[in-house]
Amino acid sequence: MGPQTLFALFGLTLGAHGTASADFINDSKASLELRNFYFNRDFRQDSAPQSKAEEWAQGFLLRYESGFTEGPVGVGVDALGLFGVKLDSSPDRTGTGLLQSDREKPNRAQDEYGELRLTAKLRASQSLLKVGTLQPKLPIALSNDSRLLPQTFRGAWLSSAEVQNLSLDLGRIDRVNLRNSSDNEDMQVFNGGARNIVLGHHKTSDALDFAGATYKWTPALTTSYHYGALDGIYRQHYFTFGHLLDLGEAGSIKSDLRWAQSQDDGGSNVDNRALGTMFTYKRGPHALGLGYQRMSGDTGFAYVSGADGYLVNLVQVNDFGNEDERSWQARYDFDFASLGVPGLTFMTRYLSGDGVAVNGRVEEGKEWERDTDIAYVVQGGPLKNLGLKWRNATVRSNFGPDIDENRLIVTYTVPLW
C-alpha cells in the first residue's frame, strides 16, 4: 500500500469523524524556526580537488502538530515546511551540504529550495501510527539535522507503550530526503572513508524494515534491541545499555554501551561488528567523558547514506566507523551557569583512530579529530531563546582529507500558537 493510498484513507477517516474535535484544534501547536548557517571547510592536503567548501544560507522551518480527534482511535496530522535561501556561494566553494545543487549546473547552488511534508497519525490507547514524513531517532534509522534543513524519511512507523516501562517500534521506510534536497529518493548505504563496502546487484533500496524494543528496568537503567534490514544490502542487530549512577554530592557516572552486528542481505559484502562504550563523570558544572569504539569484520559500519550512524564516536566530521578501526575519545563539558552566566556552555573533545584497513589492508590508516563548541542561549527579554553557536573542528588523516572547519549557527524559534 503506497503513501498516497494511506493518505486517502486518512482523509476518509477524518471525514468520518465529522468536524474536528476541540482536542484536535486546542491541542495543536505550531512554531517557526529561523536558522542562519555559515559553513567553512578548508581542505589542507595538497591533492584536494577543491581548496574549500564555503557557503552561507538562511533556513525557515515551519512545524505544525495537531491534536487528535475524540474516540477510541484519534486522528491527527503533522506538517513540516522547509525553505532554504542562498546568501553566499560560488561554483568553486559548493559542497557544504547547506544548499541544493542546481539540476542543470550541479556545481552551482540553487538560489532557494523548499518543500512541504505531511504526516498522518492515528492514536489508540498508548500506541501511535505515523505515515508519511518521519524523523526517527532510532539506532537503525537516525535522522540527521546537522545542516540548514533536516534530513527526513518517508514511510510508516508504529510505536507502542501499552506495557509499562516497555516501548516497541515497528515500521518500514521506503524513501530518504537528504538535508540539501527536496526530493524523496531510494536509499543507499554510506560508503565513505575506508568502509570498503562492495555492492552487488542492488545499488539502492526502497525498503528499510525495522523493529525494536526498549525496556526501562529502573529510572536509572535502560536496555534496548533494534533490528533493521535495508533490503538487498544489509541486515543489522543493535543492542544498547544505558545506566546513570548517582553518587550524591560526588556527582554521577553515565554509562553508554552499544554493540551492533551488520551482515549482507542479497549481494553486498557487508560484514561488521561495532562495539562502543562511553563513560561520563559529571560533578557540578563539569563533565568528563571517555569513550572507546572498535570495528571488526570485513567492512566498516553500515547505515543509510545521508542519515547518521548510531556510534559513540560519531562527532562533527567523522564517525570513526571504518573497517578494523579502533578509536578512543576524551571529552570535557562546562556549564557557565555556575559562574553566573546561564545559557553559556562549552565543549571540547579529541578523538584518535588507527588500525584502519586501507587498500585491502596494504596500509594502516590513522586519523584524529579535535572539536570545540561554544553555545549561548538568551535566557530572557525580547530575544529569549535566541541561540548562538560556534563549532570548530580539525581533522587529520593519512587516508582521507585533512580539514579545518568552522560553523556559525544562529537560531530563533517563534511559537505561533
Protein backbone atom coordinates (compact mmCIF):
# COMPACT_ATOMS: atom_id res chain seq x y z
CA MET A 1 0.00 0.00 0.00
CA GLY A 2 1.59 3.29 -1.11
CA PRO A 3 1.69 6.58 0.84
CA GLN A 4 -0.92 8.14 -1.48
CA THR A 5 -3.40 5.38 -0.64
CA LEU A 6 -2.68 5.74 3.06
CA PHE A 7 -3.26 9.49 2.95
CA ALA A 8 -6.54 8.90 1.11
CA LEU A 9 -7.63 6.51 3.83
CA PHE A 10 -6.58 9.09 6.41
CA GLY A 11 -8.79 11.67 4.74
CA LEU A 12 -11.77 9.29 4.75
CA THR A 13 -11.20 8.51 8.42
CA LEU A 14 -11.04 12.18 9.30
CA GLY A 15 -14.21 12.80 7.33
CA ALA A 16 -15.96 10.00 9.22
CA HIS A 17 -15.31 11.86 12.45
CA GLY A 18 -17.16 14.86 11.10
CA THR A 19 -15.96 18.25 12.27
CA ALA A 20 -12.58 18.09 14.02
CA SER A 21 -12.94 17.89 17.78
CA ALA A 22 -11.81 20.56 20.19
CA ASP A 23 -8.84 18.38 21.15
CA PHE A 24 -7.72 18.26 17.51
CA ILE A 25 -7.66 22.08 17.44
CA ASN A 26 -6.88 23.04 21.04
CA ASP A 27 -4.04 20.56 21.46
CA SER A 28 -2.34 21.62 18.25
CA LYS A 29 0.87 23.62 18.26
CA ALA A 30 2.95 25.39 15.66
CA SER A 31 6.32 27.12 15.58
CA LEU A 32 8.64 28.81 13.11
CA GLU A 33 12.37 28.26 13.50
CA LEU A 34 14.77 30.67 11.81
CA ARG A 35 18.17 29.09 11.20
CA ASN A 36 21.09 31.13 9.86
CA PHE A 37 24.06 28.92 8.94
CA TYR A 38 27.60 29.79 7.82
CA PHE A 39 29.81 26.83 6.90
CA ASN A 40 33.52 26.93 6.05
CA ARG A 41 35.58 23.79 5.43
CA ASP A 42 39.21 24.20 4.30
CA PHE A 43 40.87 21.20 2.69
CA ARG A 44 44.50 21.24 3.76
CA GLN A 45 46.00 18.38 1.74
CA ASP A 46 47.88 19.25 -1.46
CA SER A 47 45.89 16.78 -3.54
CA ALA A 48 42.48 18.26 -2.69
CA PRO A 49 40.43 18.86 -5.88
CA GLN A 50 38.78 21.84 -4.16
CA SER A 51 40.53 24.20 -1.75
CA LYS A 52 37.47 24.82 0.40
CA ALA A 53 33.71 24.49 0.74
CA GLU A 54 32.16 27.72 1.97
CA GLU A 55 28.52 28.81 1.90
CA TRP A 56 26.07 30.92 3.89
CA ALA A 57 22.33 30.34 3.96
CA GLN A 58 19.09 31.17 5.75
CA GLY A 59 16.62 28.46 6.66
CA PHE A 60 12.97 28.56 7.68
CA LEU A 61 11.42 25.56 9.44
CA LEU A 62 7.65 25.67 10.00
CA ARG A 63 6.41 22.86 12.25
CA TYR A 64 2.75 22.07 12.92
CA GLU A 65 1.45 19.27 15.15
CA SER A 66 -2.29 18.77 15.55
CA GLY A 67 -4.03 17.19 18.47
CA PHE A 68 -6.22 14.11 17.98
CA THR A 69 -9.91 13.68 17.31
CA GLU A 70 -12.03 12.10 20.01
CA GLY A 71 -12.93 8.42 20.10
CA PRO A 72 -11.11 5.10 20.55
CA VAL A 73 -8.93 5.92 17.52
CA GLY A 74 -7.75 9.53 17.44
CA VAL A 75 -6.73 11.03 14.11
CA GLY A 76 -4.27 13.85 13.58
CA VAL A 77 -1.85 15.37 11.12
CA ASP A 78 1.61 16.94 11.31
CA ALA A 79 3.18 19.25 8.75
CA LEU A 80 6.79 20.27 8.18
CA GLY A 81 7.50 23.21 5.90
CA LEU A 82 11.15 23.70 4.91
CA PHE A 83 12.63 26.59 2.94
CA GLY A 84 16.29 27.45 2.34
CA VAL A 85 17.70 30.64 0.81
CA LYS A 86 21.22 31.09 -0.54
CA LEU A 87 23.02 34.09 0.94
CA ASP A 88 26.51 33.37 -0.39
CA SER A 89 28.00 30.65 -2.60
CA SER A 90 30.06 30.16 -5.75
CA PRO A 91 30.88 27.22 -8.07
CA ASP A 92 34.35 26.76 -6.55
CA ARG A 93 33.02 26.68 -2.96
CA THR A 94 29.96 24.39 -3.11
CA GLY A 95 29.57 21.05 -1.33
CA THR A 96 28.80 22.19 2.22
CA GLY A 97 25.52 20.30 2.43
CA LEU A 98 23.62 23.53 3.15
CA LEU A 99 22.11 24.15 -0.29
CA GLN A 100 20.54 22.16 -3.08
CA SER A 101 22.55 21.84 -6.29
CA ASP A 102 21.16 23.27 -9.50
CA ARG A 103 19.74 20.46 -11.65
CA GLU A 104 21.29 21.78 -14.86
CA LYS A 105 24.55 23.03 -13.34
CA PRO A 106 25.48 20.66 -10.46
CA ASN A 107 28.47 22.77 -9.41
CA ARG A 108 26.16 25.69 -8.63
CA ALA A 109 23.79 26.05 -5.70
CA GLN A 110 20.17 26.98 -6.27
CA ASP A 111 19.08 30.40 -5.02
CA GLU A 112 16.35 28.77 -2.97
CA TYR A 113 14.66 25.44 -2.38
CA GLY A 114 11.80 24.22 -0.26
CA GLU A 115 9.14 21.62 0.38
CA LEU A 116 6.08 20.79 2.45
CA ARG A 117 5.99 17.37 4.11
CA LEU A 118 2.90 15.82 5.75
CA THR A 119 2.44 13.06 8.29
CA ALA A 120 -0.86 11.35 9.06
CA LYS A 121 -1.13 9.93 12.58
CA LEU A 122 -3.54 7.65 14.40
CA ARG A 123 -3.54 7.09 18.15
CA ALA A 124 -5.23 4.24 20.01
CA SER A 125 -4.59 3.89 23.73
CA GLN A 126 -0.78 4.16 24.12
CA SER A 127 0.03 3.28 20.51
CA LEU A 128 0.77 5.74 17.72
CA LEU A 129 0.94 5.11 13.96
CA LYS A 130 2.62 7.70 11.74
CA VAL A 131 2.50 7.54 7.94
CA GLY A 132 4.33 9.99 5.70
CA THR A 133 7.32 12.11 6.67
CA LEU A 134 9.29 10.64 9.58
CA GLN A 135 12.21 11.87 11.69
CA PRO A 136 13.07 8.83 13.82
CA LYS A 137 15.83 8.79 16.41
CA LEU A 138 16.39 5.05 16.43
CA PRO A 139 19.74 3.21 16.29
CA ILE A 140 18.95 1.78 12.85
CA ALA A 141 17.26 4.93 11.46
CA LEU A 142 18.73 8.15 12.87
CA SER A 143 17.53 11.36 11.22
CA ASN A 144 20.33 13.87 10.53
CA ASP A 145 19.82 17.53 11.49
CA SER A 146 23.35 18.93 11.27
CA ARG A 147 22.88 21.43 8.42
CA LEU A 148 20.45 24.13 7.33
CA LEU A 149 17.43 21.84 6.97
CA PRO A 150 16.88 18.37 8.45
CA GLN A 151 17.09 15.08 6.60
CA THR A 152 13.82 13.11 6.69
CA PHE A 153 12.48 9.68 5.78
CA ARG A 154 9.18 8.59 4.21
CA GLY A 155 7.34 5.55 5.48
CA ALA A 156 5.13 4.12 8.22
CA TRP A 157 6.14 3.83 11.90
CA LEU A 158 4.15 2.25 14.70
CA SER A 159 5.31 2.97 18.26
CA SER A 160 3.65 1.45 21.29
CA ALA A 161 3.91 1.89 25.06
CA GLU A 162 1.00 -0.35 26.15
CA VAL A 163 3.18 -2.19 28.69
CA GLN A 164 4.60 -0.10 31.49
CA ASN A 165 8.30 0.73 31.01
CA LEU A 166 8.34 -1.07 27.61
CA SER A 167 8.32 0.77 24.28
CA LEU A 168 8.05 -1.04 20.95
CA ASP A 169 8.78 0.19 17.41
CA LEU A 170 7.82 -1.36 14.09
CA GLY A 171 7.89 0.11 10.62
CA ARG A 172 9.06 0.40 7.04
CA ILE A 173 10.83 3.29 5.33
CA ASP A 174 10.83 3.48 1.53
CA ARG A 175 12.49 6.81 0.75
CA VAL A 176 15.04 9.24 2.16
CA ASN A 177 15.02 13.02 1.68
CA LEU A 178 18.56 14.36 2.06
CA ARG A 179 19.26 17.50 4.08
CA ASN A 180 20.17 19.52 0.93
CA SER A 181 17.41 18.16 -1.27
CA SER A 182 13.66 18.48 -1.80
CA ASP A 183 13.24 15.06 -3.41
CA ASN A 184 12.42 11.67 -1.93
CA GLU A 185 14.97 9.14 -3.21
CA ASP A 186 15.84 5.46 -2.94
CA MET A 187 18.21 4.71 -0.08
CA GLN A 188 21.91 3.91 -0.38
CA VAL A 189 24.43 2.63 2.14
CA PHE A 190 27.08 5.12 3.31
CA ASN A 191 30.41 4.06 1.82
CA GLY A 192 32.78 6.96 2.50
CA GLY A 193 36.18 6.88 4.11
CA ALA A 194 37.53 3.33 4.20
CA ARG A 195 34.25 1.45 4.64
CA ASN A 196 35.32 -0.94 1.84
CA ILE A 197 31.72 -1.97 1.18
CA VAL A 198 31.17 -3.62 -2.21
CA LEU A 199 27.63 -3.66 -3.57
CA GLY A 200 26.28 -6.41 -5.78
CA HIS A 201 23.16 -6.21 -7.93
CA HIS A 202 21.38 -3.85 -5.50
CA LYS A 203 22.95 -0.38 -5.53
CA THR A 204 19.94 1.25 -3.88
CA SER A 205 16.96 0.07 -1.84
CA ASP A 206 13.33 1.11 -1.41
CA ALA A 207 12.73 -0.75 1.86
CA LEU A 208 14.26 -0.31 5.29
CA ASP A 209 12.29 -2.57 7.64
CA PHE A 210 12.82 -2.08 11.35
CA ALA A 211 11.63 -3.31 14.72
CA GLY A 212 12.80 -2.66 18.24
CA ALA A 213 12.11 -2.85 21.96
CA THR A 214 13.33 -0.60 24.77
CA TYR A 215 12.81 -1.52 28.42
CA LYS A 216 13.34 0.75 31.40
CA TRP A 217 14.27 -1.57 34.26
CA THR A 218 14.68 1.26 36.77
CA PRO A 219 14.71 5.05 36.43
CA ALA A 220 18.49 4.72 36.00
CA LEU A 221 18.80 1.60 33.81
CA THR A 222 17.58 1.12 30.22
CA THR A 223 18.33 -1.56 27.64
CA SER A 224 17.19 -1.93 24.04
CA TYR A 225 17.34 -4.16 20.98
CA HIS A 226 16.67 -2.98 17.42
CA TYR A 227 16.66 -4.79 14.10
CA GLY A 228 16.97 -3.16 10.71
CA ALA A 229 17.14 -4.55 7.18
CA LEU A 230 17.99 -2.40 4.15
CA ASP A 231 16.53 -4.72 1.54
CA GLY A 232 19.14 -6.25 -0.75
CA ILE A 233 22.09 -4.59 1.03
CA TYR A 234 22.38 -5.34 4.77
CA ARG A 235 20.72 -6.66 7.93
CA GLN A 236 21.59 -5.22 11.33
CA HIS A 237 21.13 -6.08 15.02
CA TYR A 238 21.72 -3.33 17.57
CA PHE A 239 21.92 -3.66 21.37
CA THR A 240 22.25 -0.75 23.80
CA PHE A 241 22.73 -0.39 27.54
CA GLY A 242 22.35 2.90 29.41
CA HIS A 243 22.87 3.50 33.12
CA LEU A 244 23.17 6.53 35.39
CA LEU A 245 24.91 6.03 38.74
CA ASP A 246 24.05 8.76 41.26
CA LEU A 247 26.98 9.45 43.59
CA GLY A 248 25.22 12.14 45.59
CA GLU A 249 27.42 15.15 46.29
CA ALA A 250 30.27 13.39 44.47
CA GLY A 251 28.38 13.68 41.17
CA SER A 252 27.22 10.98 38.77
CA ILE A 253 28.56 8.49 36.22
CA LYS A 254 26.67 7.88 32.97
CA SER A 255 27.40 4.63 31.10
CA ASP A 256 26.55 4.17 27.41
CA LEU A 257 27.33 0.78 25.83
CA ARG A 258 26.44 -0.16 22.24
CA TRP A 259 27.03 -3.27 20.15
CA ALA A 260 25.89 -3.84 16.57
CA GLN A 261 26.25 -6.66 14.07
CA SER A 262 25.73 -5.95 10.36
CA GLN A 263 25.61 -8.60 7.63
CA ASP A 264 24.94 -8.63 3.89
CA ASP A 265 21.42 -9.16 2.57
CA GLY A 266 21.48 -10.28 -1.03
CA GLY A 267 24.73 -9.47 -2.72
CA SER A 268 26.79 -6.89 -0.82
CA ASN A 269 29.83 -7.81 1.26
CA VAL A 270 28.68 -6.01 4.44
CA ASP A 271 30.21 -7.75 7.46
CA ASN A 272 30.81 -5.65 10.56
CA ARG A 273 30.69 -5.80 14.32
CA ALA A 274 30.77 -2.47 16.14
CA LEU A 275 31.45 -2.06 19.86
CA GLY A 276 31.15 1.33 21.52
CA THR A 277 31.45 2.47 25.13
CA MET A 278 31.22 5.94 26.63
CA PHE A 279 31.53 6.79 30.33
CA THR A 280 30.83 10.33 31.53
CA TYR A 281 31.57 11.61 35.03
CA LYS A 282 29.64 14.77 35.94
CA ARG A 283 30.03 16.92 39.02
CA GLY A 284 28.58 20.40 39.25
CA PRO A 285 29.26 22.33 36.02
CA HIS A 286 31.99 19.91 34.90
CA ALA A 287 31.60 16.73 32.81
CA LEU A 288 34.45 14.46 31.69
CA GLY A 289 33.80 11.68 29.17
CA LEU A 290 35.98 8.80 27.97
CA GLY A 291 34.97 6.62 25.03
CA TYR A 292 36.24 3.63 23.08
CA GLN A 293 34.99 2.22 19.78
CA ARG A 294 36.08 -0.91 17.91
CA MET A 295 35.20 -2.10 14.40
CA SER A 296 35.79 -5.70 13.29
CA GLY A 297 34.79 -7.77 10.26
CA ASP A 298 35.36 -7.43 6.52
CA THR A 299 33.82 -3.93 6.16
CA GLY A 300 33.15 -0.80 8.13
CA PHE A 301 29.88 0.08 9.88
CA ALA A 302 26.80 0.22 7.60
CA TYR A 303 23.93 2.71 7.69
CA VAL A 304 21.72 4.69 5.32
CA SER A 305 23.66 7.37 3.46
CA GLY A 306 22.58 10.87 4.44
CA ALA A 307 21.35 9.79 7.87
CA ASP A 308 23.52 9.36 10.98
CA GLY A 309 25.17 6.19 12.22
CA TYR A 310 24.43 5.44 15.86
CA LEU A 311 28.05 5.31 17.05
CA VAL A 312 29.56 6.73 20.25
CA ASN A 313 32.37 8.29 18.22
CA LEU A 314 30.11 9.97 15.67
CA VAL A 315 31.19 13.61 16.03
CA GLN A 316 31.24 16.80 13.94
CA VAL A 317 33.05 15.47 10.87
CA ASN A 318 33.85 11.75 11.29
CA ASP A 319 32.27 8.70 12.89
CA PHE A 320 35.43 6.51 13.08
CA GLY A 321 33.47 3.57 11.67
CA ASN A 322 35.94 2.38 9.01
CA GLU A 323 36.99 -1.23 8.52
CA ASP A 324 39.01 -2.55 11.50
CA GLU A 325 39.23 0.92 13.07
CA ARG A 326 39.97 1.32 16.78
CA SER A 327 39.25 4.75 18.24
CA TRP A 328 39.06 6.48 21.58
CA GLN A 329 37.59 9.80 22.72
CA ALA A 330 38.21 12.24 25.55
CA ARG A 331 35.59 14.95 26.08
CA TYR A 332 35.11 17.84 28.51
CA ASP A 333 31.98 19.99 29.04
CA PHE A 334 31.47 23.08 31.19
CA ASP A 335 28.26 24.96 32.08
CA PHE A 336 28.88 28.64 32.79
CA ALA A 337 25.65 28.94 34.80
CA SER A 338 27.81 28.14 37.83
CA LEU A 339 29.74 31.37 37.16
CA GLY A 340 26.58 33.44 36.81
CA VAL A 341 26.18 33.15 33.02
CA PRO A 342 23.23 30.80 32.44
CA GLY A 343 22.80 29.69 28.84
CA LEU A 344 26.52 29.67 28.04
CA THR A 345 28.12 26.23 27.53
CA PHE A 346 31.48 24.94 26.33
CA MET A 347 32.53 21.55 24.94
CA THR A 348 35.84 20.23 23.64
CA ARG A 349 36.87 16.71 22.64
CA TYR A 350 39.69 14.81 20.99
CA LEU A 351 39.38 11.53 19.09
CA SER A 352 42.07 9.30 17.63
CA GLY A 353 41.61 6.27 15.39
CA ASP A 354 44.04 3.73 13.98
CA GLY A 355 44.22 0.22 12.51
CA VAL A 356 42.05 1.20 9.52
CA ALA A 357 42.20 -1.28 6.63
CA VAL A 358 43.20 0.80 3.60
CA ASN A 359 43.72 -0.56 0.07
CA GLY A 360 42.96 -4.14 1.02
CA ARG A 361 44.93 -3.93 4.27
CA VAL A 362 48.10 -2.99 2.44
CA GLU A 363 48.24 0.17 4.54
CA GLU A 364 47.15 1.01 8.09
CA GLY A 365 45.04 4.12 8.24
CA LYS A 366 45.20 6.64 11.07
CA GLU A 367 43.12 9.73 11.76
CA TRP A 368 42.30 12.18 14.52
CA GLU A 369 39.74 14.92 15.13
CA ARG A 370 39.54 17.79 17.59
CA ASP A 371 36.22 19.61 18.13
CA THR A 372 35.20 22.68 20.11
CA ASP A 373 31.68 24.03 20.61
CA ILE A 374 30.75 27.30 22.30
CA ALA A 375 27.00 27.98 22.56
CA TYR A 376 24.83 30.63 24.17
CA VAL A 377 21.04 30.77 24.50
CA VAL A 378 19.48 34.08 25.56
CA GLN A 379 17.58 33.48 28.79
CA GLY A 380 15.15 36.41 28.88
CA GLY A 381 13.88 39.58 27.27
CA PRO A 382 12.54 40.05 23.73
CA LEU A 383 15.25 37.74 22.31
CA LYS A 384 14.62 34.91 24.74
CA ASN A 385 15.69 31.52 23.31
CA LEU A 386 17.86 33.10 20.59
CA GLY A 387 20.68 30.61 20.12
CA LEU A 388 24.25 31.33 19.03
CA LYS A 389 26.74 28.53 18.37
CA TRP A 390 30.29 28.32 17.03
CA ARG A 391 31.55 24.87 16.06
CA ASN A 392 35.21 24.32 15.21
CA ALA A 393 36.85 21.09 14.02
CA THR A 394 40.29 19.97 12.89
CA VAL A 395 40.76 16.62 11.13
CA ARG A 396 43.96 14.96 10.02
CA SER A 397 44.21 11.59 8.25
CA ASN A 398 46.68 9.55 6.20
CA PHE A 399 43.89 8.06 4.03
CA GLY A 400 41.25 10.80 3.91
CA PRO A 401 41.06 14.60 3.65
CA ASP A 402 42.73 16.99 6.09
CA ILE A 403 40.11 19.51 7.20
CA ASP A 404 39.87 22.73 9.17
CA GLU A 405 36.22 23.59 9.70
CA ASN A 406 34.10 26.33 11.25
CA ARG A 407 30.34 26.54 11.53
CA LEU A 408 28.46 29.59 12.84
CA ILE A 409 24.79 28.96 13.59
CA VAL A 410 22.13 31.40 14.78
CA THR A 411 18.69 30.01 15.62
CA TYR A 412 15.48 31.60 16.85
CA THR A 413 12.17 29.82 17.32
CA VAL A 414 8.90 31.73 17.34
CA PRO A 415 5.90 29.88 18.87
CA LEU A 416 2.91 30.61 16.65
CA TRP A 417 0.32 29.04 18.97
